[in-house]
């Protein structure tokens, strides 16, 4: 709908086949959608697991500079 209002043509890409991480070819549209959903849903947790956690109970505001802290007031 937004593209129609802006006068842009919609460009849909159909994925007929997808290779999984283990090399299995997926052709069923529901399986492709499920695989892609699981892949993109895992990005956040995967990145979060790579963040080093400091056991000193540091609060997020401790990472702000004085200038940043004043701007939040």
PDB file of N, CA and C in Angstrom:
ATOM      1  N   UNK A   1       0.808  -1.182   0.000  1.00  0.00           N
ATOM      2  CA  UNK A   1       0.000   0.000   0.000  1.00  0.00           C
ATOM      3  C   UNK A   1       0.855   1.251   0.000  1.00  0.00           C
ATOM      4  N   UNK A   2       1.919   1.274   0.800  1.00  0.00           N
ATOM      5  CA  UNK A   2       2.808   2.428   0.846  1.00  0.00           C
ATOM      6  C   UNK A   2       3.474   2.661  -0.500  1.00  0.00           C
ATOM      7  N   UNK A   3       3.903   1.575  -1.141  1.00  0.00           N
ATOM      8  CA  UNK A   3       4.507   1.708  -2.466  1.00  0.00           C
ATOM      9  C   UNK A   3       3.520   2.297  -3.465  1.00  0.00           C
ATOM     10  N   UNK A   4       2.254   1.906  -3.369  1.00  0.00           N
ATOM     11  CA  UNK A   4       1.229   2.464  -4.260  1.00  0.00           C
ATOM     12  C   UNK A   4       1.088   3.963  -4.041  1.00  0.00           C
ATOM     13  N   UNK A   5       1.075   4.387  -2.791  1.00  0.00           N
ATOM     14  CA  UNK A   5       0.945   5.808  -2.483  1.00  0.00           C
ATOM     15  C   UNK A   5       2.150   6.607  -2.978  1.00  0.00           C
ATOM     16  N   UNK A   6       3.316   6.002  -2.932  1.00  0.00           N
ATOM     17  CA  UNK A   6       4.538   6.679  -3.373  1.00  0.00           C
ATOM     18  C   UNK A   6       4.797   6.517  -4.864  1.00  0.00           C
ATOM     19  N   UNK A   7       3.951   5.740  -5.526  1.00  0.00           N
ATOM     20  CA  UNK A   7       4.116   5.523  -6.962  1.00  0.00           C
ATOM     21  C   UNK A   7       5.237   4.574  -7.313  1.00  0.00           C
ATOM     22  N   UNK A   8       5.623   3.726  -6.380  1.00  0.00           N
ATOM     23  CA  UNK A   8       6.695   2.760  -6.631  1.00  0.00           C
ATOM     24  C   UNK A   8       6.090   1.411  -6.966  1.00  0.00           C
ATOM     25  N   UNK A   9       6.771   0.681  -7.824  1.00  0.00           N
ATOM     26  CA  UNK A   9       6.322  -0.665  -8.161  1.00  0.00           C
ATOM     27  C   UNK A   9       6.828  -1.645  -7.107  1.00  0.00           C
ATOM     28  N   UNK A  10       5.985  -2.596  -6.782  1.00  0.00           N
ATOM     29  CA  UNK A  10       6.366  -3.630  -5.836  1.00  0.00           C
ATOM     30  C   UNK A  10       7.271  -4.637  -6.536  1.00  0.00           C
ATOM     31  N   UNK A  11       8.315  -5.023  -5.854  1.00  0.00           N
ATOM     32  CA  UNK A  11       9.253  -5.988  -6.432  1.00  0.00           C
ATOM     33  C   UNK A  11       9.358  -7.176  -5.481  1.00  0.00           C
ATOM     34  N   UNK A  12       8.592  -8.190  -5.752  1.00  0.00           N
ATOM     35  CA  UNK A  12       8.602  -9.380  -4.901  1.00  0.00           C
ATOM     36  C   UNK A  12       9.594 -10.397  -5.446  1.00  0.00           C
ATOM     37  N   UNK A  13      10.360 -10.964  -4.561  1.00  0.00           N
ATOM     38  CA  UNK A  13      11.304 -12.007  -4.923  1.00  0.00           C
ATOM     39  C   UNK A  13      10.787 -13.328  -4.386  1.00  0.00           C
ATOM     40  N   UNK A  14      10.595 -14.272  -5.253  1.00  0.00           N
ATOM     41  CA  UNK A  14      10.119 -15.579  -4.827  1.00  0.00           C
ATOM     42  C   UNK A  14      11.316 -16.514  -4.670  1.00  0.00           C
ATOM     43  N   UNK A  15      11.366 -17.161  -3.530  1.00  0.00           N
ATOM     44  CA  UNK A  15      12.435 -18.122  -3.258  1.00  0.00           C
ATOM     45  C   UNK A  15      11.855 -19.514  -3.461  1.00  0.00           C
ATOM     46  N   UNK A  16      12.354 -20.203  -4.474  1.00  0.00           N
ATOM     47  CA  UNK A  16      11.872 -21.545  -4.794  1.00  0.00           C
ATOM     48  C   UNK A  16      12.662 -22.642  -4.096  1.00  0.00           C
ATOM     49  N   UNK A  17      13.885 -22.294  -3.697  1.00  0.00           N
ATOM     50  CA  UNK A  17      14.781 -23.307  -3.152  1.00  0.00           C
ATOM     51  C   UNK A  17      15.760 -22.630  -2.205  1.00  0.00           C
ATOM     52  N   UNK A  18      16.100 -23.333  -1.136  1.00  0.00           N
ATOM     53  CA  UNK A  18      17.021 -22.800  -0.150  1.00  0.00           C
ATOM     54  C   UNK A  18      17.882 -23.929   0.365  1.00  0.00           C
ATOM     55  N   UNK A  19      19.184 -23.668   0.524  1.00  0.00           N
ATOM     56  CA  UNK A  19      20.079 -24.675   1.099  1.00  0.00           C
ATOM     57  C   UNK A  19      20.300 -24.330   2.563  1.00  0.00           C
ATOM     58  N   UNK A  20      20.083 -25.303   3.418  1.00  0.00           N
ATOM     59  CA  UNK A  20      20.274 -25.098   4.851  1.00  0.00           C
ATOM     60  C   UNK A  20      21.764 -25.080   5.173  1.00  0.00           C
ATOM     61  N   UNK A  21      22.081 -24.746   6.429  1.00  0.00           N
ATOM     62  CA  UNK A  21      23.477 -24.722   6.869  1.00  0.00           C
ATOM     63  C   UNK A  21      24.157 -26.075   6.731  1.00  0.00           C
ATOM     64  N   UNK A  22      23.368 -27.133   6.835  1.00  0.00           N
ATOM     65  CA  UNK A  22      23.958 -28.483   6.745  1.00  0.00           C
ATOM     66  C   UNK A  22      23.892 -29.042   5.328  1.00  0.00           C
ATOM     67  N   UNK A  23      23.482 -28.215   4.349  1.00  0.00           N
ATOM     68  CA  UNK A  23      23.501 -28.625   2.953  1.00  0.00           C
ATOM     69  C   UNK A  23      22.231 -29.253   2.424  1.00  0.00           C
ATOM     70  N   UNK A  24      21.187 -29.313   3.238  1.00  0.00           N
ATOM     71  CA  UNK A  24      19.921 -29.883   2.802  1.00  0.00           C
ATOM     72  C   UNK A  24      19.182 -28.855   1.958  1.00  0.00           C
ATOM     73  N   UNK A  25      18.647 -29.278   0.812  1.00  0.00           N
ATOM     74  CA  UNK A  25      17.882 -28.388  -0.055  1.00  0.00           C
ATOM     75  C   UNK A  25      16.425 -28.388   0.386  1.00  0.00           C
ATOM     76  N   UNK A  26      15.896 -27.176   0.624  1.00  0.00           N
ATOM     77  CA  UNK A  26      14.509 -27.012   1.073  1.00  0.00           C
ATOM     78  C   UNK A  26      13.720 -26.409  -0.082  1.00  0.00           C
ATOM     79  N   UNK A  27      12.611 -27.048  -0.452  1.00  0.00           N
ATOM     80  CA  UNK A  27      11.796 -26.552  -1.569  1.00  0.00           C
ATOM     81  C   UNK A  27      10.346 -26.248  -1.180  1.00  0.00           C
ATOM     82  N   UNK A  28       9.872 -26.806  -0.088  1.00  0.00           N
ATOM     83  CA  UNK A  28       8.507 -26.562   0.354  1.00  0.00           C
ATOM     84  C   UNK A  28       8.419 -25.123   0.878  1.00  0.00           C
ATOM     85  N   UNK A  29       7.498 -24.294   0.350  1.00  0.00           N
ATOM     86  CA  UNK A  29       7.408 -22.894   0.771  1.00  0.00           C
ATOM     87  C   UNK A  29       7.235 -22.699   2.278  1.00  0.00           C
ATOM     88  N   UNK A  30       6.460 -23.568   2.925  1.00  0.00           N
ATOM     89  CA  UNK A  30       6.291 -23.449   4.376  1.00  0.00           C
ATOM     90  C   UNK A  30       7.578 -23.771   5.113  1.00  0.00           C
ATOM     91  N   UNK A  31       8.320 -24.754   4.630  1.00  0.00           N
ATOM     92  CA  UNK A  31       9.598 -25.113   5.245  1.00  0.00           C
ATOM     93  C   UNK A  31      10.627 -24.000   5.042  1.00  0.00           C
ATOM     94  N   UNK A  32      10.606 -23.367   3.860  1.00  0.00           N
ATOM     95  CA  UNK A  32      11.515 -22.245   3.591  1.00  0.00           C
ATOM     96  C   UNK A  32      11.203 -21.102   4.556  1.00  0.00           C
ATOM     97  N   UNK A  33       9.918 -20.769   4.698  1.00  0.00           N
ATOM     98  CA  UNK A  33       9.511 -19.693   5.606  1.00  0.00           C
ATOM     99  C   UNK A  33       9.911 -20.010   7.040  1.00  0.00           C
ATOM    100  N   UNK A  34       9.707 -21.253   7.469  1.00  0.00           N
ATOM    101  CA  UNK A  34      10.059 -21.667   8.822  1.00  0.00           C
ATOM    102  C   UNK A  34      11.564 -21.581   9.047  1.00  0.00           C
ATOM    103  N   UNK A  35      12.338 -22.048   8.069  1.00  0.00           N
ATOM    104  CA  UNK A  35      13.804 -22.017   8.186  1.00  0.00           C
ATOM    105  C   UNK A  35      14.308 -20.578   8.284  1.00  0.00           C
ATOM    106  N   UNK A  36      13.768 -19.706   7.408  1.00  0.00           N
ATOM    107  CA  UNK A  36      14.201 -18.303   7.421  1.00  0.00           C
ATOM    108  C   UNK A  36      13.782 -17.626   8.728  1.00  0.00           C
ATOM    109  N   UNK A  37      12.582 -17.916   9.214  1.00  0.00           N
ATOM    110  CA  UNK A  37      12.123 -17.341  10.475  1.00  0.00           C
ATOM    111  C   UNK A  37      13.040 -17.741  11.621  1.00  0.00           C
ATOM    112  N   UNK A  38      13.384 -19.025  11.692  1.00  0.00           N
ATOM    113  CA  UNK A  38      14.278 -19.496  12.756  1.00  0.00           C
ATOM    114  C   UNK A  38      15.652 -18.849  12.633  1.00  0.00           C
ATOM    115  N   UNK A  39      16.135 -18.696  11.395  1.00  0.00           N
ATOM    116  CA  UNK A  39      17.446 -18.083  11.164  1.00  0.00           C
ATOM    117  C   UNK A  39      17.464 -16.636  11.672  1.00  0.00           C
ATOM    118  N   UNK A  40      16.480 -15.832  11.240  1.00  0.00           N
ATOM    119  CA  UNK A  40      16.477 -14.421  11.616  1.00  0.00           C
ATOM    120  C   UNK A  40      16.104 -14.218  13.082  1.00  0.00           C
ATOM    121  N   UNK A  41      15.288 -15.099  13.648  1.00  0.00           N
ATOM    122  CA  UNK A  41      14.933 -14.996  15.064  1.00  0.00           C
ATOM    123  C   UNK A  41      16.124 -15.327  15.961  1.00  0.00           C
ATOM    124  N   UNK A  42      17.085 -16.076  15.451  1.00  0.00           N
ATOM    125  CA  UNK A  42      18.247 -16.477  16.250  1.00  0.00           C
ATOM    126  C   UNK A  42      19.362 -15.443  16.235  1.00  0.00           C
ATOM    127  N   UNK A  43      19.297 -14.458  15.355  1.00  0.00           N
ATOM    128  CA  UNK A  43      20.380 -13.482  15.237  1.00  0.00           C
ATOM    129  C   UNK A  43      20.584 -12.713  16.539  1.00  0.00           C
ATOM    130  N   UNK A  44      19.505 -12.178  17.114  1.00  0.00           N
ATOM    131  CA  UNK A  44      19.624 -11.405  18.362  1.00  0.00           C
ATOM    132  C   UNK A  44      20.222 -12.212  19.494  1.00  0.00           C
ATOM    133  N   UNK A  45      19.649 -13.376  19.805  1.00  0.00           N
ATOM    134  CA  UNK A  45      20.235 -14.187  20.887  1.00  0.00           C
ATOM    135  C   UNK A  45      21.684 -14.606  20.610  1.00  0.00           C
ATOM    136  N   UNK A  46      22.005 -14.898  19.343  1.00  0.00           N
ATOM    137  CA  UNK A  46      23.385 -15.278  19.016  1.00  0.00           C
ATOM    138  C   UNK A  46      24.341 -14.126  19.272  1.00  0.00           C
ATOM    139  N   UNK A  47      23.956 -12.915  18.867  1.00  0.00           N
ATOM    140  CA  UNK A  47      24.803 -11.750  19.120  1.00  0.00           C
ATOM    141  C   UNK A  47      24.891 -11.454  20.616  1.00  0.00           C
ATOM    142  N   UNK A  48      23.774 -11.550  21.310  1.00  0.00           N
ATOM    143  CA  UNK A  48      23.757 -11.282  22.747  1.00  0.00           C
ATOM    144  C   UNK A  48      24.665 -12.249  23.504  1.00  0.00           C
ATOM    145  N   UNK A  49      24.731 -13.482  23.051  1.00  0.00           N
ATOM    146  CA  UNK A  49      25.566 -14.469  23.743  1.00  0.00           C
ATOM    147  C   UNK A  49      27.053 -14.166  23.591  1.00  0.00           C
ATOM    148  N   UNK A  50      27.412 -13.343  22.622  1.00  0.00           N
ATOM    149  CA  UNK A  50      28.819 -12.992  22.400  1.00  0.00           C
ATOM    150  C   UNK A  50      29.248 -11.764  23.197  1.00  0.00           C
ATOM    151  N   UNK A  51      28.298 -11.093  23.853  1.00  0.00           N
ATOM    152  CA  UNK A  51      28.626  -9.924  24.663  1.00  0.00           C
ATOM    153  C   UNK A  51      29.181 -10.404  25.991  1.00  0.00           C
ATOM    154  N   UNK A  52      30.357  -9.888  26.327  1.00  0.00           N
ATOM    155  CA  UNK A  52      30.975 -10.291  27.585  1.00  0.00           C
ATOM    156  C   UNK A  52      30.232  -9.627  28.744  1.00  0.00           C
ATOM    157  N   UNK A  53      29.875 -10.416  29.721  1.00  0.00           N
ATOM    158  CA  UNK A  53      29.150  -9.922  30.887  1.00  0.00           C
ATOM    159  C   UNK A  53      30.145  -9.656  31.998  1.00  0.00           C
ATOM    160  N   UNK A  54      30.050  -8.473  32.561  1.00  0.00           N
ATOM    161  CA  UNK A  54      30.917  -8.111  33.677  1.00  0.00           C
ATOM    162  C   UNK A  54      30.161  -8.395  34.969  1.00  0.00           C
ATOM    163  N   UNK A  55      30.774  -9.071  35.873  1.00  0.00           N
ATOM    164  CA  UNK A  55      30.122  -9.468  37.118  1.00  0.00           C
ATOM    165  C   UNK A  55      30.092  -8.342  38.153  1.00  0.00           C
ATOM    166  N   UNK A  56      30.556  -7.134  37.807  1.00  0.00           N
ATOM    167  CA  UNK A  56      30.623  -6.029  38.762  1.00  0.00           C
ATOM    168  C   UNK A  56      29.310  -5.261  38.869  1.00  0.00           C
ATOM    169  N   UNK A  57      28.239  -5.756  38.248  1.00  0.00           N
ATOM    170  CA  UNK A  57      26.923  -5.135  38.311  1.00  0.00           C
ATOM    171  C   UNK A  57      26.950  -3.686  37.812  1.00  0.00           C
ATOM    172  N   UNK A  58      27.551  -3.475  36.673  1.00  0.00           N
ATOM    173  CA  UNK A  58      27.642  -2.144  36.083  1.00  0.00           C
ATOM    174  C   UNK A  58      26.300  -1.776  35.466  1.00  0.00           C
ATOM    175  N   UNK A  59      25.855  -0.560  35.713  1.00  0.00           N
ATOM    176  CA  UNK A  59      24.596  -0.087  35.143  1.00  0.00           C
ATOM    177  C   UNK A  59      24.870   0.534  33.781  1.00  0.00           C
ATOM    178  N   UNK A  60      23.879   0.574  32.905  1.00  0.00           N
ATOM    179  CA  UNK A  60      24.077   1.147  31.570  1.00  0.00           C
ATOM    180  C   UNK A  60      24.523   2.608  31.588  1.00  0.00           C
ATOM    181  N   UNK A  61      24.113   3.367  32.603  1.00  0.00           N
ATOM    182  CA  UNK A  61      24.480   4.791  32.642  1.00  0.00           C
ATOM    183  C   UNK A  61      25.971   5.000  32.887  1.00  0.00           C
ATOM    184  N   UNK A  62      26.659   3.994  33.394  1.00  0.00           N
ATOM    185  CA  UNK A  62      28.095   4.123  33.626  1.00  0.00           C
ATOM    186  C   UNK A  62      28.885   4.191  32.319  1.00  0.00           C
ATOM    187  N   UNK A  63      28.239   3.832  31.201  1.00  0.00           N
ATOM    188  CA  UNK A  63      28.902   3.892  29.911  1.00  0.00           C
ATOM    189  C   UNK A  63      28.716   5.245  29.229  1.00  0.00           C
ATOM    190  N   UNK A  64      27.870   6.090  29.797  1.00  0.00           N
ATOM    191  CA  UNK A  64      27.617   7.400  29.213  1.00  0.00           C
ATOM    192  C   UNK A  64      28.692   8.382  29.624  1.00  0.00           C
ATOM    193  N   UNK A  65      29.010   9.322  28.740  1.00  0.00           N
ATOM    194  CA  UNK A  65      29.932  10.384  29.082  1.00  0.00           C
ATOM    195  C   UNK A  65      29.164  11.449  29.858  1.00  0.00           C
ATOM    196  N   UNK A  66      29.866  12.392  30.444  1.00  0.00           N
ATOM    197  CA  UNK A  66      29.203  13.456  31.191  1.00  0.00           C
ATOM    198  C   UNK A  66      28.234  14.215  30.285  1.00  0.00           C
ATOM    199  N   UNK A  67      28.641  14.489  29.062  1.00  0.00           N
ATOM    200  CA  UNK A  67      27.801  15.191  28.099  1.00  0.00           C
ATOM    201  C   UNK A  67      26.519  14.402  27.829  1.00  0.00           C
ATOM    202  N   UNK A  68      26.632  13.078  27.670  1.00  0.00           N
ATOM    203  CA  UNK A  68      25.459  12.225  27.443  1.00  0.00           C
ATOM    204  C   UNK A  68      24.522  12.266  28.643  1.00  0.00           C
ATOM    205  N   UNK A  69      25.078  12.254  29.855  1.00  0.00           N
ATOM    206  CA  UNK A  69      24.265  12.252  31.062  1.00  0.00           C
ATOM    207  C   UNK A  69      23.479  13.540  31.208  1.00  0.00           C
ATOM    208  N   UNK A  70      24.083  14.659  30.877  1.00  0.00           N
ATOM    209  CA  UNK A  70      23.397  15.943  30.958  1.00  0.00           C
ATOM    210  C   UNK A  70      22.245  15.988  29.961  1.00  0.00           C
ATOM    211  N   UNK A  71      22.429  15.415  28.796  1.00  0.00           N
ATOM    212  CA  UNK A  71      21.390  15.420  27.770  1.00  0.00           C
ATOM    213  C   UNK A  71      20.174  14.610  28.185  1.00  0.00           C
ATOM    214  N   UNK A  72      20.343  13.649  29.081  1.00  0.00           N
ATOM    215  CA  UNK A  72      19.237  12.814  29.520  1.00  0.00           C
ATOM    216  C   UNK A  72      18.387  13.481  30.609  1.00  0.00           C
ATOM    217  N   UNK A  73      18.902  14.514  31.200  1.00  0.00           N
ATOM    218  CA  UNK A  73      18.171  15.184  32.297  1.00  0.00           C
ATOM    219  C   UNK A  73      17.032  16.015  31.751  1.00  0.00           C
TER     220      UNK A  73
END
